[in-house]
């Protein structure tokens, strides 16, 4: 990784020009993350900020790396590159996926604040319901082996009072759109399953849901629910 003090004369630009490019990348990351509800930002979008005025492709890596360092040091964000999740099994096709392998490199901003501090000072109470919705969906898919047929997922959601035909749920709003947002944010990926019964659709966990921190939180949450259920049964018996 390049350091902020690295000589940029090899690229034929001044330190001031370099700093301006870094600032533009940082501004783009912050703005697009807010505008698109945390959806990943493709690396080629950031590269275009540099190459629109400078032809040196290698300059983009230097600018993006320095933007990462400043986002961490100044704003407290980890600009994390998403690693594409495992390939689907042999009988699946990613034709239905929202992203192709061509734009595999993308970034999200992850707060570096301790969870309790982030919850108290940063989290927006108006979006807490979507966090709960996402956590529930990811937990369902996780319990099904990180992959679940679309119809089975909707069956679980209907048991929770969430119907695929509901466009104005009092908390979540349009249920289909809320589920699609999780695909766009790369918590889920939608895949086509080829079987003897024909083509069907399924959801599987994507990069962000497969992150070690997220999976650990899911396991802890499920363990708490199981312990509560066991305690309830013991009291009733």
Protein backbone atom coordinates (compact mmCIF):
# COMPACT_ATOMS: atom_id res chain seq x y z
CA UNK A 1 0.00 0.00 0.00
CA UNK A 2 1.25 3.45 -0.83
CA UNK A 3 1.89 5.96 1.93
CA UNK A 4 0.47 9.51 1.95
CA UNK A 5 3.96 10.93 1.57
CA UNK A 6 4.87 8.90 -1.52
CA UNK A 7 6.44 10.90 -4.35
CA UNK A 8 3.89 11.43 -7.13
CA UNK A 9 6.25 13.15 -9.52
CA UNK A 10 6.58 9.85 -11.40
CA UNK A 11 2.99 10.34 -12.49
CA UNK A 12 3.59 13.86 -13.71
CA UNK A 13 1.25 15.49 -11.18
CA UNK A 14 1.81 17.73 -8.19
CA UNK A 15 1.04 16.91 -4.55
CA UNK A 16 -1.85 19.39 -4.73
CA UNK A 17 -3.35 17.58 -7.70
CA UNK A 18 -2.95 14.26 -5.92
CA UNK A 19 -4.61 15.58 -2.76
CA UNK A 20 -7.50 16.89 -4.83
CA UNK A 21 -8.04 13.46 -6.42
CA UNK A 22 -7.94 11.79 -3.01
CA UNK A 23 -10.53 14.25 -1.72
CA UNK A 24 -12.77 13.55 -4.72
CA UNK A 25 -12.62 9.79 -4.12
CA UNK A 26 -13.44 10.27 -0.43
CA UNK A 27 -16.32 12.59 -1.28
CA UNK A 28 -17.67 10.09 -3.82
CA UNK A 29 -17.50 7.20 -1.34
CA UNK A 30 -19.31 9.14 1.39
CA UNK A 31 -21.98 10.59 -0.92
CA UNK A 32 -22.75 7.39 -2.85
CA UNK A 33 -22.84 5.30 0.32
CA UNK A 34 -25.46 7.64 1.79
CA UNK A 35 -27.38 8.05 -1.48
CA UNK A 36 -27.57 4.32 -2.26
CA UNK A 37 -28.31 3.03 1.25
CA UNK A 38 -24.92 1.42 1.69
CA UNK A 39 -24.81 -0.46 -1.61
CA UNK A 40 -21.27 -1.39 -2.71
CA UNK A 41 -19.37 1.03 -4.93
CA UNK A 42 -17.49 -0.51 -7.83
CA UNK A 43 -13.77 0.07 -8.10
CA UNK A 44 -14.12 1.15 -11.73
CA UNK A 45 -16.32 4.06 -10.60
CA UNK A 46 -13.46 5.30 -8.42
CA UNK A 47 -10.91 4.65 -11.14
CA UNK A 48 -12.89 6.84 -13.55
CA UNK A 49 -12.53 9.78 -11.17
CA UNK A 50 -8.78 9.58 -11.77
CA UNK A 51 -8.64 8.48 -15.40
CA UNK A 52 -11.12 11.11 -16.57
CA UNK A 53 -8.24 13.62 -16.42
CA UNK A 54 -5.14 11.44 -15.99
CA UNK A 55 -4.26 8.52 -18.22
CA UNK A 56 -1.88 6.72 -15.86
CA UNK A 57 -3.89 3.67 -14.75
CA UNK A 58 -1.43 2.92 -11.93
CA UNK A 59 -2.20 6.32 -10.41
CA UNK A 60 -5.68 5.08 -9.50
CA UNK A 61 -4.30 2.49 -7.09
CA UNK A 62 -2.23 5.13 -5.27
CA UNK A 63 -5.23 7.50 -4.99
CA UNK A 64 -7.63 4.79 -3.79
CA UNK A 65 -5.14 3.50 -1.21
CA UNK A 66 -4.59 6.97 0.21
CA UNK A 67 -8.35 7.57 0.27
CA UNK A 68 -8.66 4.38 2.36
CA UNK A 69 -6.09 5.66 4.85
CA UNK A 70 -7.76 9.06 5.22
CA UNK A 71 -11.26 7.58 5.53
CA UNK A 72 -9.94 5.51 8.43
CA UNK A 73 -7.83 8.20 10.13
CA UNK A 74 -10.23 11.13 9.70
CA UNK A 75 -13.73 9.68 9.36
CA UNK A 76 -13.41 6.40 11.26
CA UNK A 77 -14.48 4.25 8.29
CA UNK A 78 -12.91 1.07 7.03
CA UNK A 79 -13.15 1.20 3.22
CA UNK A 80 -13.48 -2.54 2.82
CA UNK A 81 -13.10 -4.39 -0.46
CA UNK A 82 -15.74 -7.06 -0.86
CA UNK A 83 -14.46 -10.51 -1.73
CA UNK A 84 -16.78 -12.33 -4.08
CA UNK A 85 -18.55 -15.13 -2.26
CA UNK A 86 -18.06 -18.75 -3.17
CA UNK A 87 -19.29 -19.94 -6.55
CA UNK A 88 -22.72 -21.47 -6.61
CA UNK A 89 -22.92 -25.23 -6.74
CA UNK A 90 -22.70 -27.01 -10.06
CA UNK A 91 -26.44 -27.00 -10.66
CA UNK A 92 -26.76 -23.24 -10.18
CA UNK A 93 -26.22 -20.30 -12.49
CA UNK A 94 -25.54 -16.70 -11.47
CA UNK A 95 -27.41 -15.33 -14.46
CA UNK A 96 -29.91 -13.81 -12.03
CA UNK A 97 -27.25 -12.17 -9.87
CA UNK A 98 -27.35 -8.39 -9.69
CA UNK A 99 -23.62 -8.16 -10.35
CA UNK A 100 -21.32 -10.02 -12.73
CA UNK A 101 -17.77 -11.17 -12.24
CA UNK A 102 -16.68 -8.21 -14.36
CA UNK A 103 -17.35 -5.81 -11.51
CA UNK A 104 -16.21 -8.16 -8.74
CA UNK A 105 -14.10 -5.48 -7.05
CA UNK A 106 -16.24 -3.14 -5.01
CA UNK A 107 -16.09 -1.30 -1.69
CA UNK A 108 -18.31 -0.57 1.28
CA UNK A 109 -17.75 1.72 4.25
CA UNK A 110 -17.78 -0.01 7.64
CA UNK A 111 -17.72 2.00 10.85
CA UNK A 112 -14.68 1.41 13.07
CA UNK A 113 -16.49 2.67 16.16
CA UNK A 114 -17.24 0.20 18.97
CA UNK A 115 -20.78 -1.23 18.50
CA UNK A 116 -22.16 0.45 21.63
CA UNK A 117 -20.80 3.86 20.57
CA UNK A 118 -22.07 3.47 17.01
CA UNK A 119 -25.52 2.46 18.25
CA UNK A 120 -25.75 5.44 20.64
CA UNK A 121 -24.37 8.25 18.47
CA UNK A 122 -24.53 7.17 14.82
CA UNK A 123 -27.37 4.78 14.10
CA UNK A 124 -30.55 6.35 12.79
CA UNK A 125 -33.62 5.22 14.69
CA UNK A 126 -35.64 5.73 11.51
CA UNK A 127 -33.73 2.92 9.76
CA UNK A 128 -33.59 0.50 12.69
CA UNK A 129 -36.53 -1.47 11.30
CA UNK A 130 -34.57 -2.25 8.13
CA UNK A 131 -31.66 -3.49 10.21
CA UNK A 132 -34.07 -5.84 11.99
CA UNK A 133 -35.53 -7.00 8.68
CA UNK A 134 -32.06 -7.67 7.25
CA UNK A 135 -30.95 -9.54 10.37
CA UNK A 136 -34.06 -11.74 10.27
CA UNK A 137 -33.63 -12.60 6.59
CA UNK A 138 -29.92 -13.37 6.95
CA UNK A 139 -30.65 -15.56 9.99
CA UNK A 140 -33.28 -17.55 8.08
CA UNK A 141 -30.93 -18.17 5.16
CA UNK A 142 -28.06 -19.01 7.52
CA UNK A 143 -30.15 -21.61 9.37
CA UNK A 144 -31.01 -23.18 6.05
CA UNK A 145 -27.35 -23.77 5.21
CA UNK A 146 -26.62 -20.32 3.70
CA UNK A 147 -28.97 -21.10 0.78
CA UNK A 148 -32.77 -21.23 0.57
CA UNK A 149 -35.28 -21.66 -2.27
CA UNK A 150 -37.24 -18.47 -2.92
CA UNK A 151 -40.59 -20.06 -2.13
CA UNK A 152 -39.29 -21.40 1.21
CA UNK A 153 -38.04 -17.94 2.15
CA UNK A 154 -41.43 -16.40 1.37
CA UNK A 155 -43.12 -19.12 3.41
CA UNK A 156 -41.02 -18.12 6.42
CA UNK A 157 -41.76 -14.45 5.81
CA UNK A 158 -45.49 -15.08 5.59
CA UNK A 159 -45.28 -16.73 9.00
CA UNK A 160 -43.78 -13.45 10.21
CA UNK A 161 -46.67 -11.50 8.67
CA UNK A 162 -44.70 -10.33 5.65
CA UNK A 163 -46.32 -11.06 2.29
CA UNK A 164 -44.74 -10.74 -1.16
CA UNK A 165 -47.87 -8.88 -2.28
CA UNK A 166 -47.62 -6.28 0.50
CA UNK A 167 -46.47 -2.95 -0.93
CA UNK A 168 -47.33 -0.79 2.10
CA UNK A 169 -46.30 -2.68 5.21
CA UNK A 170 -46.48 -0.22 8.15
CA UNK A 171 -42.87 -0.90 9.12
CA UNK A 172 -40.97 -2.30 6.13
CA UNK A 173 -43.00 -0.80 3.29
CA UNK A 174 -42.75 -2.73 0.01
CA UNK A 175 -41.57 -6.18 1.08
CA UNK A 176 -40.25 -7.21 -2.35
CA UNK A 177 -38.28 -3.96 -2.65
CA UNK A 178 -36.86 -4.42 0.86
CA UNK A 179 -35.66 -7.91 -0.06
CA UNK A 180 -34.20 -6.65 -3.34
CA UNK A 181 -32.30 -3.97 -1.41
CA UNK A 182 -30.50 -6.72 0.52
CA UNK A 183 -29.43 -8.19 -2.83
CA UNK A 184 -28.15 -4.82 -4.03
CA UNK A 185 -26.30 -4.29 -0.76
CA UNK A 186 -24.65 -7.71 -1.22
CA UNK A 187 -26.06 -9.36 1.88
CA UNK A 188 -27.88 -11.80 -0.41
CA UNK A 189 -27.46 -12.98 -3.94
CA UNK A 190 -30.23 -14.38 -6.09
CA UNK A 191 -29.42 -17.47 -8.12
CA UNK A 192 -31.14 -19.69 -10.65
CA UNK A 193 -31.38 -23.37 -9.74
CA UNK A 194 -31.65 -25.94 -12.52
CA UNK A 195 -33.32 -29.13 -11.37
CA UNK A 196 -35.43 -31.97 -12.71
CA UNK A 197 -38.49 -29.93 -11.73
CA UNK A 198 -37.39 -27.02 -13.92
CA UNK A 199 -35.76 -23.68 -13.20
CA UNK A 200 -36.40 -22.14 -9.80
CA UNK A 201 -34.88 -19.23 -7.88
CA UNK A 202 -33.02 -19.27 -4.60
CA UNK A 203 -31.28 -16.86 -2.26
CA UNK A 204 -27.86 -17.44 -0.76
CA UNK A 205 -25.69 -15.37 1.54
CA UNK A 206 -23.41 -12.92 -0.26
CA UNK A 207 -20.12 -11.29 0.78
CA UNK A 208 -21.34 -8.95 3.49
CA UNK A 209 -23.43 -11.60 5.24
CA UNK A 210 -20.50 -14.03 5.08
CA UNK A 211 -18.27 -11.55 6.92
CA UNK A 212 -16.95 -13.11 10.11
CA UNK A 213 -18.32 -10.34 12.35
CA UNK A 214 -21.83 -10.57 10.89
CA UNK A 215 -21.95 -14.36 11.10
CA UNK A 216 -20.79 -14.27 14.73
CA UNK A 217 -23.57 -11.82 15.63
CA UNK A 218 -26.11 -14.08 13.93
CA UNK A 219 -24.87 -17.12 15.86
CA UNK A 220 -25.02 -15.21 19.16
CA UNK A 221 -28.55 -13.98 18.39
CA UNK A 222 -29.77 -17.47 17.50
CA UNK A 223 -28.16 -18.91 20.63
CA UNK A 224 -29.99 -16.36 22.79
CA UNK A 225 -33.32 -17.28 21.17
CA UNK A 226 -32.67 -20.99 21.71
CA UNK A 227 -31.76 -20.42 25.37
CA UNK A 228 -34.96 -18.41 25.90
CA UNK A 229 -37.06 -21.12 24.27
CA UNK A 230 -35.44 -23.82 26.43
CA UNK A 231 -36.02 -21.76 29.58
CA UNK A 232 -39.67 -21.23 28.64
CA UNK A 233 -40.20 -24.95 28.10
CA UNK A 234 -38.55 -25.77 31.43
CA UNK A 235 -40.77 -23.28 33.28
CA UNK A 236 -43.94 -24.55 31.61
CA UNK A 237 -43.07 -28.15 32.39
